[in-house]
Amino acid sequence: MEKILISETELSELTGISIKTLQWYRYKGPKYAPKFMKIGKRIYYSKQEIDEWIKNQPRYQSTADRKYGG
C-alpha cells in the first residue's frame, strides 16, 4: 500500500530541504510551501500536494535566468 501522507522529516529527506526551512516556508504561507495538515502535534503533507508543489516550482537553465528573470 502506497503512503499518502509524508512526514516533515520524510519531506526533508526527499527534497534535501532542512526541517527548519520547511517550517519557515509554512510560516511564510502557500507561495512557499506545499499545503500541509496537522494531526495532533505532527505535520504531514499529502503525496499529491508535494508532487503538485514540486511540479509548480520555477525552472532555470542558469543562475542568471533566476536573477534576471530570463
Protein backbone atom coordinates (compact mmCIF):
# COMPACT_ATOMS: atom_id res chain seq x y z
CA MET A 1 0.00 0.00 0.00
CA GLU A 2 1.40 3.37 -1.04
CA LYS A 3 1.75 6.04 1.64
CA ILE A 4 -0.49 9.05 1.06
CA LEU A 5 0.88 11.17 3.91
CA ILE A 6 4.51 12.12 4.28
CA SER A 7 6.00 13.47 7.49
CA GLU A 8 8.03 16.64 7.74
CA THR A 9 11.18 14.55 8.24
CA GLU A 10 10.45 12.42 5.18
CA LEU A 11 9.83 15.53 3.05
CA SER A 12 13.13 16.96 4.25
CA GLU A 13 14.94 13.77 3.27
CA LEU A 14 13.11 13.58 -0.07
CA THR A 15 13.87 17.16 -1.14
CA GLY A 16 17.09 17.95 0.73
CA ILE A 17 15.36 20.96 2.31
CA SER A 18 16.07 21.25 6.02
CA ILE A 19 13.22 20.87 8.51
CA LYS A 20 13.81 24.44 9.73
CA THR A 21 13.46 25.73 6.16
CA LEU A 22 10.23 23.75 5.69
CA GLN A 23 8.95 25.31 8.92
CA TRP A 24 9.86 28.77 7.64
CA TYR A 25 8.09 28.03 4.34
CA ARG A 26 4.92 27.10 6.27
CA TYR A 27 5.19 30.32 8.25
CA LYS A 28 5.57 32.38 5.04
CA GLY A 29 2.48 30.79 3.50
CA PRO A 30 1.23 28.97 0.42
CA LYS A 31 3.50 30.81 -2.01
CA TYR A 32 6.46 28.95 -0.46
CA ALA A 33 5.21 25.67 0.98
CA PRO A 34 3.04 22.79 -0.10
CA LYS A 35 -0.28 22.50 1.72
CA PHE A 36 0.05 20.59 4.97
CA MET A 37 -2.09 19.17 7.71
CA LYS A 38 -1.52 18.97 11.41
CA ILE A 39 -2.56 15.77 13.14
CA GLY A 40 -2.01 16.11 16.84
CA LYS A 41 1.33 17.86 17.14
CA ARG A 42 2.77 16.44 13.94
CA ILE A 43 2.90 17.95 10.46
CA TYR A 44 2.05 15.85 7.41
CA TYR A 45 1.98 16.53 3.71
CA SER A 46 -0.16 14.80 1.12
CA LYS A 47 1.91 12.99 -1.53
CA GLN A 48 -0.35 14.58 -4.15
CA GLU A 49 0.23 18.10 -2.74
CA ILE A 50 4.00 17.57 -2.68
CA ASP A 51 4.02 16.37 -6.29
CA GLU A 52 1.96 19.42 -7.33
CA TRP A 53 4.19 21.80 -5.35
CA ILE A 54 7.35 20.39 -6.93
CA LYS A 55 5.76 20.49 -10.40
CA ASN A 56 4.92 24.19 -9.96
CA GLN A 57 8.40 25.30 -8.88
CA PRO A 58 10.12 27.58 -11.38
CA ARG A 59 12.82 26.04 -13.52
CA TYR A 60 16.01 27.73 -14.66
CA GLN A 61 18.80 26.89 -17.05
CA SER A 62 21.30 29.07 -15.24
CA THR A 63 21.60 31.25 -12.17
CA ALA A 64 21.39 34.29 -14.47
CA ASP A 65 17.91 33.14 -15.55
CA ARG A 66 16.77 33.25 -11.94
CA LYS A 67 18.47 36.54 -11.16
CA TYR A 68 17.34 38.42 -14.28
CA GLY A 69 14.08 36.59 -14.97
CA GLY A 70 15.29 35.18 -18.27
